[in-house]
Amino acid sequence: MAATTVTQQETAVDEGLVLGTVMLGLSEVGGTKQLLEFDFGSAWRNWAHRDRFPSIKTGPSQYSIVGILGKSANRRGPVAPTGPAPGPSSRS
């Protein structure tokens, strides 16, 4: 895998979180900043591919997910679908 910048890594993680949220049928993620950081850190440490994103920090006082999500508001153009999450597929 080619070297990626911090911004590219943050964007990939942010977009992955959005896609995962949509795939789960959610339209938002609630809770406190602390809870979001804790839950993300726990999931991140258990994810087999986290070594591909060395710029994403999850240790104490290194949490970066809230900052990453906050940056997405500054992107040009839509990156993720808007509107209600899709319902179950009609295909069998």
PDB file of N, CA and C in Angstrom:
ATOM      1  N   MET A   1       0.846  -1.178   0.000  1.00  0.00           N
ATOM      2  CA  MET A   1       0.000   0.000   0.000  1.00  0.00           C
ATOM      3  C   MET A   1       0.895   1.245   0.000  1.00  0.00           C
ATOM      4  N   ALA A   2       0.584   2.171  -0.852  1.00  0.00           N
ATOM      5  CA  ALA A   2       1.360   3.406  -0.925  1.00  0.00           C
ATOM      6  C   ALA A   2       1.175   4.220   0.355  1.00  0.00           C
ATOM      7  N   ALA A   3       2.202   4.992   0.662  1.00  0.00           N
ATOM      8  CA  ALA A   3       2.119   5.859   1.838  1.00  0.00           C
ATOM      9  C   ALA A   3       0.995   6.861   1.649  1.00  0.00           C
ATOM     10  N   THR A   4       0.265   7.097   2.712  1.00  0.00           N
ATOM     11  CA  THR A   4      -0.830   8.059   2.658  1.00  0.00           C
ATOM     12  C   THR A   4      -0.571   9.162   3.671  1.00  0.00           C
ATOM     13  N   THR A   5      -1.133  10.323   3.390  1.00  0.00           N
ATOM     14  CA  THR A   5      -0.971  11.453   4.300  1.00  0.00           C
ATOM     15  C   THR A   5      -1.928  11.307   5.477  1.00  0.00           C
ATOM     16  N   VAL A   6      -1.692  12.109   6.494  1.00  0.00           N
ATOM     17  CA  VAL A   6      -2.579  12.141   7.655  1.00  0.00           C
ATOM     18  C   VAL A   6      -4.001  12.464   7.194  1.00  0.00           C
ATOM     19  N   THR A   7      -4.139  13.453   6.325  1.00  0.00           N
ATOM     20  CA  THR A   7      -5.463  13.857   5.844  1.00  0.00           C
ATOM     21  C   THR A   7      -6.144  12.723   5.093  1.00  0.00           C
ATOM     22  N   GLN A   8      -5.413  12.004   4.258  1.00  0.00           N
ATOM     23  CA  GLN A   8      -6.001  10.884   3.522  1.00  0.00           C
ATOM     24  C   GLN A   8      -6.459   9.789   4.482  1.00  0.00           C
ATOM     25  N   GLN A   9      -5.664   9.524   5.505  1.00  0.00           N
ATOM     26  CA  GLN A   9      -6.051   8.504   6.483  1.00  0.00           C
ATOM     27  C   GLN A   9      -7.297   8.932   7.255  1.00  0.00           C
ATOM     28  N   GLU A  10      -7.327  10.192   7.691  1.00  0.00           N
ATOM     29  CA  GLU A  10      -8.488  10.693   8.431  1.00  0.00           C
ATOM     30  C   GLU A  10      -9.737  10.664   7.562  1.00  0.00           C
ATOM     31  N   THR A  11      -9.608  11.044   6.304  1.00  0.00           N
ATOM     32  CA  THR A  11     -10.752  11.050   5.395  1.00  0.00           C
ATOM     33  C   THR A  11     -11.270   9.631   5.188  1.00  0.00           C
ATOM     34  N   ALA A  12     -10.371   8.680   4.996  1.00  0.00           N
ATOM     35  CA  ALA A  12     -10.790   7.292   4.790  1.00  0.00           C
ATOM     36  C   ALA A  12     -11.534   6.753   6.010  1.00  0.00           C
ATOM     37  N   VAL A  13     -11.032   7.051   7.202  1.00  0.00           N
ATOM     38  CA  VAL A  13     -11.694   6.586   8.428  1.00  0.00           C
ATOM     39  C   VAL A  13     -13.046   7.267   8.597  1.00  0.00           C
ATOM     40  N   ASP A  14     -13.099   8.569   8.367  1.00  0.00           N
ATOM     41  CA  ASP A  14     -14.342   9.321   8.474  1.00  0.00           C
ATOM     42  C   ASP A  14     -15.389   8.768   7.510  1.00  0.00           C
ATOM     43  N   GLU A  15     -15.008   8.561   6.260  1.00  0.00           N
ATOM     44  CA  GLU A  15     -15.947   8.045   5.264  1.00  0.00           C
ATOM     45  C   GLU A  15     -16.377   6.620   5.609  1.00  0.00           C
ATOM     46  N   GLY A  16     -15.463   5.826   6.151  1.00  0.00           N
ATOM     47  CA  GLY A  16     -15.818   4.475   6.577  1.00  0.00           C
ATOM     48  C   GLY A  16     -16.825   4.481   7.709  1.00  0.00           C
ATOM     49  N   LEU A  17     -16.663   5.417   8.641  1.00  0.00           N
ATOM     50  CA  LEU A  17     -17.627   5.529   9.744  1.00  0.00           C
ATOM     51  C   LEU A  17     -19.005   5.938   9.239  1.00  0.00           C
ATOM     52  N   VAL A  18     -19.017   6.872   8.284  1.00  0.00           N
ATOM     53  CA  VAL A  18     -20.303   7.300   7.710  1.00  0.00           C
ATOM     54  C   VAL A  18     -20.968   6.123   6.992  1.00  0.00           C
ATOM     55  N   LEU A  19     -20.202   5.420   6.181  1.00  0.00           N
ATOM     56  CA  LEU A  19     -20.755   4.283   5.454  1.00  0.00           C
ATOM     57  C   LEU A  19     -21.273   3.216   6.415  1.00  0.00           C
ATOM     58  N   GLY A  20     -20.504   2.926   7.449  1.00  0.00           N
ATOM     59  CA  GLY A  20     -20.945   1.943   8.440  1.00  0.00           C
ATOM     60  C   GLY A  20     -22.221   2.365   9.137  1.00  0.00           C
ATOM     61  N   THR A  21     -22.328   3.647   9.443  1.00  0.00           N
ATOM     62  CA  THR A  21     -23.532   4.166  10.091  1.00  0.00           C
ATOM     63  C   THR A  21     -24.743   3.991   9.181  1.00  0.00           C
ATOM     64  N   VAL A  22     -24.580   4.325   7.907  1.00  0.00           N
ATOM     65  CA  VAL A  22     -25.677   4.180   6.939  1.00  0.00           C
ATOM     66  C   VAL A  22     -26.041   2.707   6.768  1.00  0.00           C
ATOM     67  N   MET A  23     -25.039   1.848   6.677  1.00  0.00           N
ATOM     68  CA  MET A  23     -25.297   0.414   6.496  1.00  0.00           C
ATOM     69  C   MET A  23     -26.048  -0.185   7.687  1.00  0.00           C
ATOM     70  N   LEU A  24     -25.855   0.395   8.871  1.00  0.00           N
ATOM     71  CA  LEU A  24     -26.578  -0.060  10.055  1.00  0.00           C
ATOM     72  C   LEU A  24     -27.980   0.525  10.141  1.00  0.00           C
ATOM     73  N   GLY A  25     -28.311   1.413   9.198  1.00  0.00           N
ATOM     74  CA  GLY A  25     -29.633   2.019   9.192  1.00  0.00           C
ATOM     75  C   GLY A  25     -29.761   3.188  10.147  1.00  0.00           C
ATOM     76  N   LEU A  26     -28.641   3.742  10.593  1.00  0.00           N
ATOM     77  CA  LEU A  26     -28.671   4.867  11.519  1.00  0.00           C
ATOM     78  C   LEU A  26     -28.565   6.178  10.758  1.00  0.00           C
ATOM     79  N   SER A  27     -29.138   7.222  11.318  1.00  0.00           N
ATOM     80  CA  SER A  27     -29.022   8.537  10.702  1.00  0.00           C
ATOM     81  C   SER A  27     -28.150   9.470  11.536  1.00  0.00           C
ATOM     82  N   GLU A  28     -27.790   9.040  12.742  1.00  0.00           N
ATOM     83  CA  GLU A  28     -26.923   9.843  13.590  1.00  0.00           C
ATOM     84  C   GLU A  28     -26.307   8.948  14.660  1.00  0.00           C
ATOM     85  N   VAL A  29     -25.268   9.455  15.283  1.00  0.00           N
ATOM     86  CA  VAL A  29     -24.623   8.767  16.396  1.00  0.00           C
ATOM     87  C   VAL A  29     -24.714   9.704  17.578  1.00  0.00           C
ATOM     88  N   GLY A  30     -25.255   9.216  18.668  1.00  0.00           N
ATOM     89  CA  GLY A  30     -25.443  10.061  19.838  1.00  0.00           C
ATOM     90  C   GLY A  30     -24.436   9.745  20.924  1.00  0.00           C
ATOM     91  N   GLY A  31     -24.593  10.418  22.034  1.00  0.00           N
ATOM     92  CA  GLY A  31     -23.720  10.183  23.174  1.00  0.00           C
ATOM     93  C   GLY A  31     -22.767  11.338  23.390  1.00  0.00           C
ATOM     94  N   THR A  32     -21.987  11.215  24.427  1.00  0.00           N
ATOM     95  CA  THR A  32     -21.030  12.255  24.766  1.00  0.00           C
ATOM     96  C   THR A  32     -19.741  12.065  23.967  1.00  0.00           C
ATOM     97  N   LYS A  33     -18.934  13.109  23.942  1.00  0.00           N
ATOM     98  CA  LYS A  33     -17.627  13.029  23.272  1.00  0.00           C
ATOM     99  C   LYS A  33     -16.808  11.904  23.896  1.00  0.00           C
ATOM    100  N   GLN A  34     -16.807  11.825  25.203  1.00  0.00           N
ATOM    101  CA  GLN A  34     -16.025  10.806  25.908  1.00  0.00           C
ATOM    102  C   GLN A  34     -16.486   9.401  25.524  1.00  0.00           C
ATOM    103  N   LEU A  35     -17.786   9.186  25.458  1.00  0.00           N
ATOM    104  CA  LEU A  35     -18.315   7.870  25.104  1.00  0.00           C
ATOM    105  C   LEU A  35     -17.972   7.516  23.658  1.00  0.00           C
ATOM    106  N   LEU A  36     -18.095   8.488  22.755  1.00  0.00           N
ATOM    107  CA  LEU A  36     -17.747   8.256  21.353  1.00  0.00           C
ATOM    108  C   LEU A  36     -16.276   7.876  21.223  1.00  0.00           C
ATOM    109  N   GLU A  37     -15.401   8.613  21.896  1.00  0.00           N
ATOM    110  CA  GLU A  37     -13.971   8.319  21.846  1.00  0.00           C
ATOM    111  C   GLU A  37     -13.670   6.934  22.424  1.00  0.00           C
ATOM    112  N   PHE A  38     -14.304   6.609  23.552  1.00  0.00           N
ATOM    113  CA  PHE A  38     -14.079   5.313  24.186  1.00  0.00           C
ATOM    114  C   PHE A  38     -14.532   4.178  23.279  1.00  0.00           C
ATOM    115  N   ASP A  39     -15.738   4.292  22.742  1.00  0.00           N
ATOM    116  CA  ASP A  39     -16.273   3.232  21.883  1.00  0.00           C
ATOM    117  C   ASP A  39     -15.465   3.079  20.598  1.00  0.00           C
ATOM    118  N   PHE A  40     -15.090   4.210  19.989  1.00  0.00           N
ATOM    119  CA  PHE A  40     -14.283   4.135  18.779  1.00  0.00           C
ATOM    120  C   PHE A  40     -12.927   3.496  19.099  1.00  0.00           C
ATOM    121  N   GLY A  41     -12.302   3.929  20.186  1.00  0.00           N
ATOM    122  CA  GLY A  41     -11.001   3.382  20.556  1.00  0.00           C
ATOM    123  C   GLY A  41     -11.050   1.885  20.778  1.00  0.00           C
ATOM    124  N   SER A  42     -12.099   1.423  21.423  1.00  0.00           N
ATOM    125  CA  SER A  42     -12.258  -0.008  21.668  1.00  0.00           C
ATOM    126  C   SER A  42     -12.398  -0.770  20.352  1.00  0.00           C
ATOM    127  N   ALA A  43     -13.244  -0.277  19.471  1.00  0.00           N
ATOM    128  CA  ALA A  43     -13.428  -0.927  18.170  1.00  0.00           C
ATOM    129  C   ALA A  43     -12.145  -0.862  17.346  1.00  0.00           C
ATOM    130  N   TRP A  44     -11.474   0.284  17.383  1.00  0.00           N
ATOM    131  CA  TRP A  44     -10.254   0.484  16.596  1.00  0.00           C
ATOM    132  C   TRP A  44      -9.165  -0.505  17.021  1.00  0.00           C
ATOM    133  N   ARG A  45      -8.982  -0.674  18.316  1.00  0.00           N
ATOM    134  CA  ARG A  45      -7.936  -1.578  18.806  1.00  0.00           C
ATOM    135  C   ARG A  45      -8.206  -3.025  18.411  1.00  0.00           C
ATOM    136  N   ASN A  46      -9.452  -3.372  18.162  1.00  0.00           N
ATOM    137  CA  ASN A  46      -9.804  -4.740  17.783  1.00  0.00           C
ATOM    138  C   ASN A  46      -9.903  -4.943  16.270  1.00  0.00           C
ATOM    139  N   TRP A  47      -9.685  -3.884  15.496  1.00  0.00           N
ATOM    140  CA  TRP A  47      -9.805  -3.975  14.037  1.00  0.00           C
ATOM    141  C   TRP A  47      -8.473  -4.436  13.453  1.00  0.00           C
ATOM    142  N   ALA A  48      -8.497  -5.494  12.663  1.00  0.00           N
ATOM    143  CA  ALA A  48      -7.283  -6.104  12.125  1.00  0.00           C
ATOM    144  C   ALA A  48      -6.502  -5.191  11.169  1.00  0.00           C
ATOM    145  N   HIS A  49      -7.144  -4.193  10.577  1.00  0.00           N
ATOM    146  CA  HIS A  49      -6.490  -3.358   9.563  1.00  0.00           C
ATOM    147  C   HIS A  49      -6.053  -1.988  10.076  1.00  0.00           C
ATOM    148  N   ARG A  50      -6.086  -1.782  11.367  1.00  0.00           N
ATOM    149  CA  ARG A  50      -5.757  -0.462  11.923  1.00  0.00           C
ATOM    150  C   ARG A  50      -4.317  -0.042  11.624  1.00  0.00           C
ATOM    151  N   ASP A  51      -3.434  -1.011  11.384  1.00  0.00           N
ATOM    152  CA  ASP A  51      -2.044  -0.656  11.104  1.00  0.00           C
ATOM    153  C   ASP A  51      -1.879   0.062   9.765  1.00  0.00           C
ATOM    154  N   ARG A  52      -2.895   0.049   8.934  1.00  0.00           N
ATOM    155  CA  ARG A  52      -2.858   0.786   7.669  1.00  0.00           C
ATOM    156  C   ARG A  52      -3.083   2.280   7.868  1.00  0.00           C
ATOM    157  N   PHE A  53      -3.465   2.660   9.076  1.00  0.00           N
ATOM    158  CA  PHE A  53      -3.802   4.046   9.400  1.00  0.00           C
ATOM    159  C   PHE A  53      -3.018   4.498  10.630  1.00  0.00           C
ATOM    160  N   PRO A  54      -1.698   4.588  10.528  1.00  0.00           N
ATOM    161  CA  PRO A  54      -0.883   4.910  11.708  1.00  0.00           C
ATOM    162  C   PRO A  54      -1.121   6.303  12.284  1.00  0.00           C
ATOM    163  N   SER A  55      -1.744   7.181  11.537  1.00  0.00           N
ATOM    164  CA  SER A  55      -1.994   8.535  12.035  1.00  0.00           C
ATOM    165  C   SER A  55      -3.220   8.624  12.934  1.00  0.00           C
ATOM    166  N   ILE A  56      -4.028   7.585  12.971  1.00  0.00           N
ATOM    167  CA  ILE A  56      -5.234   7.595  13.796  1.00  0.00           C
ATOM    168  C   ILE A  56      -4.838   7.155  15.201  1.00  0.00           C
ATOM    169  N   LYS A  57      -5.003   8.055  16.142  1.00  0.00           N
ATOM    170  CA  LYS A  57      -4.568   7.822  17.523  1.00  0.00           C
ATOM    171  C   LYS A  57      -5.752   7.485  18.410  1.00  0.00           C
ATOM    172  N   THR A  58      -5.574   6.506  19.300  1.00  0.00           N
ATOM    173  CA  THR A  58      -6.668   6.123  20.194  1.00  0.00           C
ATOM    174  C   THR A  58      -6.226   5.938  21.639  1.00  0.00           C
ATOM    175  N   GLY A  59      -5.007   6.271  21.965  1.00  0.00           N
ATOM    176  CA  GLY A  59      -4.553   6.128  23.348  1.00  0.00           C
ATOM    177  C   GLY A  59      -5.073   7.258  24.215  1.00  0.00           C
ATOM    178  N   PRO A  60      -4.906   7.114  25.528  1.00  0.00           N
ATOM    179  CA  PRO A  60      -5.323   8.195  26.434  1.00  0.00           C
ATOM    180  C   PRO A  60      -4.686   9.522  26.019  1.00  0.00           C
ATOM    181  N   SER A  61      -5.466  10.523  25.985  1.00  0.00           N
ATOM    182  CA  SER A  61      -5.089  11.889  25.591  1.00  0.00           C
ATOM    183  C   SER A  61      -4.630  11.982  24.136  1.00  0.00           C
ATOM    184  N   GLN A  62      -4.860  10.956  23.359  1.00  0.00           N
ATOM    185  CA  GLN A  62      -4.517  10.972  21.938  1.00  0.00           C
ATOM    186  C   GLN A  62      -5.738  10.776  21.059  1.00  0.00           C
ATOM    187  N   TYR A  63      -6.906  10.657  21.627  1.00  0.00           N
ATOM    188  CA  TYR A  63      -8.101  10.384  20.841  1.00  0.00           C
ATOM    189  C   TYR A  63      -8.255  11.416  19.741  1.00  0.00           C
ATOM    190  N   SER A  64      -8.551  10.957  18.555  1.00  0.00           N
ATOM    191  CA  SER A  64      -8.645  11.867  17.428  1.00  0.00           C
ATOM    192  C   SER A  64      -9.963  11.778  16.674  1.00  0.00           C
ATOM    193  N   ILE A  65     -10.845  10.861  17.031  1.00  0.00           N
ATOM    194  CA  ILE A  65     -12.039  10.649  16.210  1.00  0.00           C
ATOM    195  C   ILE A  65     -12.970  11.864  16.206  1.00  0.00           C
ATOM    196  N   VAL A  66     -13.143  12.538  17.305  1.00  0.00           N
ATOM    197  CA  VAL A  66     -14.022  13.711  17.322  1.00  0.00           C
ATOM    198  C   VAL A  66     -13.448  14.809  16.426  1.00  0.00           C
ATOM    199  N   GLY A  67     -12.149  15.004  16.462  1.00  0.00           N
ATOM    200  CA  GLY A  67     -11.503  15.975  15.581  1.00  0.00           C
ATOM    201  C   GLY A  67     -11.646  15.597  14.115  1.00  0.00           C
ATOM    202  N   ILE A  68     -11.515  14.313  13.819  1.00  0.00           N
ATOM    203  CA  ILE A  68     -11.664  13.836  12.446  1.00  0.00           C
ATOM    204  C   ILE A  68     -13.086  14.090  11.958  1.00  0.00           C
ATOM    205  N   LEU A  69     -14.051  13.739  12.769  1.00  0.00           N
ATOM    206  CA  LEU A  69     -15.451  13.949  12.373  1.00  0.00           C
ATOM    207  C   LEU A  69     -15.764  15.430  12.219  1.00  0.00           C
ATOM    208  N   GLY A  70     -15.171  16.262  13.047  1.00  0.00           N
ATOM    209  CA  GLY A  70     -15.393  17.703  12.955  1.00  0.00           C
ATOM    210  C   GLY A  70     -14.857  18.297  11.670  1.00  0.00           C
ATOM    211  N   LYS A  71     -13.775  17.745  11.159  1.00  0.00           N
ATOM    212  CA  LYS A  71     -13.186  18.245   9.916  1.00  0.00           C
ATOM    213  C   LYS A  71     -14.075  17.969   8.707  1.00  0.00           C
ATOM    214  N   SER A  72     -14.911  16.950   8.781  1.00  0.00           N
ATOM    215  CA  SER A  72     -15.725  16.586   7.616  1.00  0.00           C
ATOM    216  C   SER A  72     -16.701  17.693   7.229  1.00  0.00           C
ATOM    217  N   ALA A  73     -17.029  18.565   8.159  1.00  0.00           N
ATOM    218  CA  ALA A  73     -17.943  19.671   7.846  1.00  0.00           C
ATOM    219  C   ALA A  73     -17.322  20.667   6.874  1.00  0.00           C
ATOM    220  N   ASN A  74     -16.003  20.652   6.752  1.00  0.00           N
ATOM    221  CA  ASN A  74     -15.305  21.592   5.871  1.00  0.00           C
ATOM    222  C   ASN A  74     -15.058  21.048   4.468  1.00  0.00           C
ATOM    223  N   ARG A  75     -15.502  19.843   4.190  1.00  0.00           N
ATOM    224  CA  ARG A  75     -15.277  19.266   2.863  1.00  0.00           C
ATOM    225  C   ARG A  75     -16.134  19.936   1.813  1.00  0.00           C
ATOM    226  N   ARG A  76     -15.624  19.986   0.606  1.00  0.00           N
ATOM    227  CA  ARG A  76     -16.396  20.516  -0.523  1.00  0.00           C
ATOM    228  C   ARG A  76     -17.230  19.397  -1.121  1.00  0.00           C
ATOM    229  N   GLY A  77     -18.501  19.641  -1.280  1.00  0.00           N
ATOM    230  CA  GLY A  77     -19.377  18.673  -1.936  1.00  0.00           C
ATOM    231  C   GLY A  77     -19.746  17.518  -1.030  1.00  0.00           C
ATOM    232  N   PRO A  78     -20.825  16.834  -1.374  1.00  0.00           N
ATOM    233  CA  PRO A  78     -21.259  15.711  -0.553  1.00  0.00           C
ATOM    234  C   PRO A  78     -20.316  14.528  -0.708  1.00  0.00           C
ATOM    235  N   VAL A  79     -20.015  13.904   0.404  1.00  0.00           N
ATOM    236  CA  VAL A  79     -19.165  12.722   0.393  1.00  0.00           C
ATOM    237  C   VAL A  79     -19.998  11.509   0.758  1.00  0.00           C
ATOM    238  N   ALA A  80     -21.049  11.723   1.527  1.00  0.00           N
ATOM    239  CA  ALA A  80     -21.902  10.635   1.974  1.00  0.00           C
ATOM    240  C   ALA A  80     -23.340  10.954   1.588  1.00  0.00           C
ATOM    241  N   PRO A  81     -24.150   9.914   1.479  1.00  0.00           N
ATOM    242  CA  PRO A  81     -25.551  10.155   1.135  1.00  0.00           C
ATOM    243  C   PRO A  81     -26.247  11.005   2.189  1.00  0.00           C
ATOM    244  N   THR A  82     -27.212  11.780   1.768  1.00  0.00           N
ATOM    245  CA  THR A  82     -28.001  12.561   2.698  1.00  0.00           C
ATOM    246  C   THR A  82     -29.424  12.033   2.687  1.00  0.00           C
ATOM    247  N   GLY A  83     -30.175  12.391   3.687  1.00  0.00           N
ATOM    248  CA  GLY A  83     -31.559  11.933   3.770  1.00  0.00           C
ATOM    249  C   GLY A  83     -31.660  10.695   4.628  1.00  0.00           C
ATOM    250  N   PRO A  84     -32.840  10.098   4.635  1.00  0.00           N
ATOM    251  CA  PRO A  84     -33.051   8.932   5.502  1.00  0.00           C
ATOM    252  C   PRO A  84     -32.214   7.740   5.043  1.00  0.00           C
ATOM    253  N   ALA A  85     -31.842   6.928   6.005  1.00  0.00           N
ATOM    254  CA  ALA A  85     -31.089   5.719   5.690  1.00  0.00           C
ATOM    255  C   ALA A  85     -31.962   4.778   4.869  1.00  0.00           C
ATOM    256  N   PRO A  86     -31.366   4.033   3.942  1.00  0.00           N
ATOM    257  CA  PRO A  86     -32.163   3.124   3.126  1.00  0.00           C
ATOM    258  C   PRO A  86     -32.766   2.022   3.966  1.00  0.00           C
ATOM    259  N   GLY A  87     -33.921   1.542   3.538  1.00  0.00           N
ATOM    260  CA  GLY A  87     -34.584   0.457   4.229  1.00  0.00           C
ATOM    261  C   GLY A  87     -34.029  -0.889   3.782  1.00  0.00           C
ATOM    262  N   PRO A  88     -34.604  -1.966   4.291  1.00  0.00           N
ATOM    263  CA  PRO A  88     -34.134  -3.296   3.893  1.00  0.00           C
ATOM    264  C   PRO A  88     -34.293  -3.488   2.394  1.00  0.00           C
ATOM    265  N   SER A  89     -33.420  -4.251   1.845  1.00  0.00           N
ATOM    266  CA  SER A  89     -33.443  -4.525   0.399  1.00  0.00           C
ATOM    267  C   SER A  89     -34.666  -5.356   0.056  1.00  0.00           C
ATOM    268  N   SER A  90     -35.222  -5.109  -1.110  1.00  0.00           N
ATOM    269  CA  SER A  90     -36.384  -5.883  -1.554  1.00  0.00           C
ATOM    270  C   SER A  90     -35.949  -7.142  -2.280  1.00  0.00           C
ATOM    271  N   ARG A  91     -34.639  -7.285  -2.524  1.00  0.00           N
ATOM    272  CA  ARG A  91     -34.142  -8.481  -3.199  1.00  0.00           C
ATOM    273  C   ARG A  91     -34.074  -9.643  -2.230  1.00  0.00           C
ATOM    274  N   SER A  92     -34.349 -10.828  -2.717  1.00  0.00           N
ATOM    275  CA  SER A  92     -34.297 -12.035  -1.872  1.00  0.00           C
ATOM    276  C   SER A  92     -33.093 -12.866  -2.210  1.00  0.00           C
TER     277      SER A  92
END
